[in-house]
Structure formats: structure tokens, C-alpha cells
Amino acid sequence: MTTRTAVLKYEKKLKVLRSKLRFISFLSPGTLVNEETVIKLDGKLDLKKAAKQAKKITERHGAKPYGFRIVDGNDKVLSGIYWLTGQILLYADVKDNGETSRLKSNMRINKEPIAIENLNSYRFTYWFNKKDVIINWDGKIIRRGNDADLMTYRKQFLDDLKNESETMPILQFS
């Protein structure tokens, strides 16, 4: 066996071993990207314990976690975001005014009809996806991204966009 083959074989074994490790990655609003604090997960995820741990975390500029997700030792994301409280924002309910017009436009362009706003430290708004969950500070699940009403809303929004684009006139340039 060549040295290169031995190294590749060793790296593959390491990757398999790292994939079995589980971590909680706490996410806080950052300047350009999220701030992250990663803690090893021992055993099964305990939402109450995770929420309690989140209260102890303070990132740069006093940012507090808006949520967390589970990752493996290879940084592969294994869950949606567990939001630590937050308010669901539906496209239809977002006003098209100076403060929220960009959000409304982004929701439409990105075909993401549901967002969430979190105020744990700074206002942080992001998409609320099918795999995401909102929990309270006691670790109780308040809302799931795959709740039937939200799934129906997503489907209706996408259907409406599709129907709208099919009826739009095609511009001809000469």
C-alpha cells in the first residue's frame, strides 16, 4: 500500500468517526455572518437543557443565541434550527412599507413565504423552514415548520406565484 493510499484510508476512517459525533451549534446574530458557539452533545438532545445553556452564551457585541442546530463532527447540519422563541411572519401579513418592504421583496424573490423574527438580543429575521422548530425557554415546542397550516400556506404561495408568472405578458425587445 502506498503512503497516499494509507493516508486516504486513514482520512476516510476519521471522517466516519467524526460523523458519529454530535454537537449543538448555538447561533447568534453577527456582523456579516452568524456567531457560533459549539458544545458537544452527550446522549440525546434535551431541549430544556439546550435552552438553559443558550442563556449562558454571550457573543461579541452582547449578541445572544436566537437558536441552535445539531451538527456532526464533519460540520454536516443534521437538523433544522431550534428557534429560542420568535414570531412567525407570513408574506401576506408583512406590510409593504419602508421598514419591511425589503423583507417582503426578499420573501417573494426567494420563494420563502414564511419568516421568523427573533429579538433575544438584536432583531434577527430569517426564513422559517420545514425542518425548523420554535421552542420556549422551558424547551417546549411551540411551533414546527412542517405544521399542516404552514405547509398549506407554502404550497398556496408557490401556486399563486406560478399562476401569476404564467399570466404575465412576455416583453418583446427589438
Protein backbone atom coordinates (compact mmCIF):
# COMPACT_ATOMS: atom_id res chain seq x y z
CA MET A 1 0.00 0.00 0.00
CA THR A 2 1.36 3.42 -0.93
CA THR A 3 1.62 6.25 1.58
CA ARG A 4 -1.07 8.17 -0.28
CA THR A 5 -3.45 5.19 -0.14
CA ALA A 6 -2.76 4.77 3.59
CA VAL A 7 -3.45 8.47 4.23
CA LEU A 8 -6.70 8.36 2.24
CA LYS A 9 -7.80 5.25 4.12
CA TYR A 10 -6.98 6.93 7.46
CA GLU A 11 -8.85 10.12 6.46
CA LYS A 12 -11.88 8.06 5.48
CA LYS A 13 -11.88 6.32 8.90
CA LEU A 14 -11.57 9.69 10.63
CA LYS A 15 -14.49 11.07 8.64
CA VAL A 16 -16.65 8.08 9.65
CA LEU A 17 -15.68 8.51 13.31
CA ARG A 18 -16.36 12.28 13.21
CA SER A 19 -19.76 11.65 11.60
CA LYS A 20 -20.81 9.77 14.75
CA LEU A 21 -20.07 12.77 17.00
CA ARG A 22 -22.93 15.18 17.72
CA PHE A 23 -22.69 18.84 18.66
CA ILE A 24 -25.11 21.65 19.44
CA SER A 25 -24.21 24.71 17.40
CA PHE A 26 -25.71 27.82 19.06
CA LEU A 27 -26.33 30.62 16.54
CA SER A 28 -26.26 34.32 17.38
CA PRO A 29 -26.60 37.36 15.12
CA GLY A 30 -23.21 38.56 13.89
CA THR A 31 -21.95 41.47 11.86
CA LEU A 32 -21.70 39.66 8.50
CA VAL A 33 -22.23 36.01 9.44
CA ASN A 34 -23.63 34.16 12.44
CA GLU A 35 -21.61 33.93 15.61
CA GLU A 36 -21.37 30.29 16.71
CA THR A 37 -20.72 28.52 19.98
CA VAL A 38 -20.39 24.74 19.64
CA ILE A 39 -20.89 22.34 22.56
CA LYS A 40 -20.54 18.56 22.43
CA LEU A 41 -23.86 16.77 22.75
CA ASP A 42 -23.70 13.88 25.19
CA GLY A 43 -26.53 11.47 24.50
CA LYS A 44 -29.97 12.53 23.35
CA LEU A 45 -30.92 16.17 22.72
CA ASP A 46 -32.64 17.70 25.75
CA LEU A 47 -34.42 20.88 24.60
CA LYS A 48 -34.82 22.25 28.13
CA LYS A 49 -31.11 21.78 28.85
CA ALA A 50 -30.15 23.33 25.49
CA ALA A 51 -32.35 26.39 26.16
CA LYS A 52 -30.73 26.75 29.58
CA GLN A 53 -27.24 26.52 28.02
CA ALA A 54 -28.20 29.18 25.46
CA LYS A 55 -29.00 31.68 28.22
CA LYS A 56 -25.38 31.44 29.41
CA ILE A 57 -23.89 32.32 25.99
CA THR A 58 -22.93 35.85 25.04
CA GLU A 59 -21.12 36.52 21.78
CA ARG A 60 -19.42 39.67 20.51
CA HIS A 61 -21.31 42.93 20.99
CA GLY A 62 -23.58 41.22 23.53
CA ALA A 63 -25.33 39.02 20.97
CA LYS A 64 -27.37 36.18 22.44
CA PRO A 65 -28.36 32.99 20.60
CA TYR A 66 -31.51 33.10 18.51
CA GLY A 67 -31.40 29.33 18.14
CA PHE A 68 -29.32 26.23 17.67
CA ARG A 69 -28.97 23.22 15.42
CA ILE A 70 -27.39 19.81 15.59
CA VAL A 71 -24.20 19.15 13.60
CA ASP A 72 -21.85 16.21 13.36
CA GLY A 73 -18.07 16.19 13.68
CA ASN A 74 -17.71 16.95 9.96
CA ASP A 75 -19.85 20.13 10.33
CA LYS A 76 -22.72 18.48 8.47
CA VAL A 77 -26.01 20.04 9.59
CA LEU A 78 -28.33 17.34 10.92
CA SER A 79 -31.38 19.38 11.92
CA GLY A 80 -33.31 22.49 11.20
CA ILE A 81 -32.94 25.46 13.53
CA TYR A 82 -34.45 25.19 17.00
CA TRP A 83 -35.52 28.82 17.43
CA LEU A 84 -35.41 30.10 21.00
CA THR A 85 -38.73 31.93 20.84
CA GLY A 86 -39.69 34.11 17.90
CA GLN A 87 -42.62 35.39 15.90
CA ILE A 88 -43.74 33.84 12.61
CA LEU A 89 -44.08 36.33 9.76
CA LEU A 90 -46.28 35.30 6.82
CA TYR A 91 -45.77 37.02 3.48
CA ALA A 92 -49.39 38.18 3.39
CA ASP A 93 -49.01 39.84 6.82
CA VAL A 94 -45.74 41.68 6.13
CA LYS A 95 -46.58 45.28 5.30
CA ASP A 96 -45.05 46.78 2.20
CA ASN A 97 -43.73 49.91 3.93
CA GLY A 98 -40.27 51.43 4.37
CA GLU A 99 -39.27 49.21 7.28
CA THR A 100 -40.37 45.87 5.86
CA SER A 101 -40.56 46.34 2.08
CA ARG A 102 -37.13 44.72 1.58
CA LEU A 103 -38.19 41.70 3.67
CA LYS A 104 -41.40 41.34 1.66
CA SER A 105 -39.49 41.63 -1.61
CA ASN A 106 -36.89 39.06 -0.49
CA MET A 107 -39.61 36.64 0.61
CA ARG A 108 -41.18 36.83 -2.83
CA ILE A 109 -37.95 36.65 -4.84
CA ASN A 110 -36.59 33.73 -2.79
CA LYS A 111 -39.97 31.96 -2.74
CA GLU A 112 -39.87 31.81 1.07
CA PRO A 113 -43.34 32.84 2.26
CA ILE A 114 -42.64 32.28 5.96
CA ALA A 115 -40.02 34.07 8.02
CA ILE A 116 -39.32 34.31 11.73
CA GLU A 117 -38.27 37.31 13.78
CA ASN A 118 -36.30 36.82 16.96
CA LEU A 119 -35.47 39.56 19.49
CA ASN A 120 -33.29 37.70 22.01
CA SER A 121 -30.57 40.34 21.69
CA TYR A 122 -30.80 42.07 18.33
CA ARG A 123 -33.65 41.83 15.86
CA PHE A 124 -32.87 38.86 13.67
CA THR A 125 -35.12 37.80 10.79
CA TYR A 126 -34.63 34.68 8.71
CA TRP A 127 -36.59 32.05 6.76
CA PHE A 128 -38.66 29.63 8.84
CA ASN A 129 -38.11 26.33 7.04
CA LYS A 130 -39.95 23.00 7.12
CA LYS A 131 -37.36 21.43 9.46
CA ASP A 132 -37.31 24.38 11.88
CA VAL A 133 -38.95 24.41 15.30
CA ILE A 134 -39.77 27.21 17.75
CA ILE A 135 -39.27 26.36 21.41
CA ASN A 136 -39.82 28.39 24.54
CA TRP A 137 -37.22 28.87 27.27
CA ASP A 138 -38.52 25.77 29.05
CA GLY A 139 -37.71 23.68 25.97
CA LYS A 140 -41.34 23.12 25.00
CA ILE A 141 -42.10 23.05 21.28
CA ILE A 142 -44.39 25.94 20.33
CA ARG A 143 -44.45 25.60 16.54
CA ARG A 144 -42.99 23.38 13.82
CA GLY A 145 -42.11 24.42 10.30
CA ASN A 146 -43.96 21.37 8.99
CA ASP A 147 -47.24 22.14 10.81
CA ALA A 148 -50.12 21.48 8.40
CA ASP A 149 -51.25 25.12 8.18
CA LEU A 150 -47.74 26.33 7.34
CA MET A 151 -47.25 23.60 4.72
CA THR A 152 -50.59 24.56 3.14
CA TYR A 153 -49.57 28.23 3.20
CA ARG A 154 -46.24 27.48 1.49
CA LYS A 155 -47.94 25.44 -1.22
CA GLN A 156 -50.60 28.10 -1.85
CA PHE A 157 -47.96 30.83 -2.03
CA LEU A 158 -45.91 28.90 -4.60
CA ASP A 159 -49.03 28.04 -6.62
CA ASP A 160 -50.05 31.71 -6.65
CA LEU A 161 -46.57 32.76 -7.82
CA LYS A 162 -46.63 30.15 -10.56
CA ASN A 163 -50.11 31.21 -11.75
CA GLU A 164 -49.07 34.85 -11.65
CA SER A 165 -45.95 34.23 -13.74
CA GLU A 166 -47.95 32.23 -16.30
CA THR A 167 -50.35 35.13 -16.83
CA MET A 168 -47.67 37.84 -17.08
CA PRO A 169 -47.14 39.20 -20.56
CA ILE A 170 -43.82 38.44 -22.21
CA LEU A 171 -41.92 41.59 -23.03
CA GLN A 172 -40.60 41.83 -26.58
CA PHE A 173 -37.45 43.81 -27.23
CA SER A 174 -36.41 44.85 -30.67
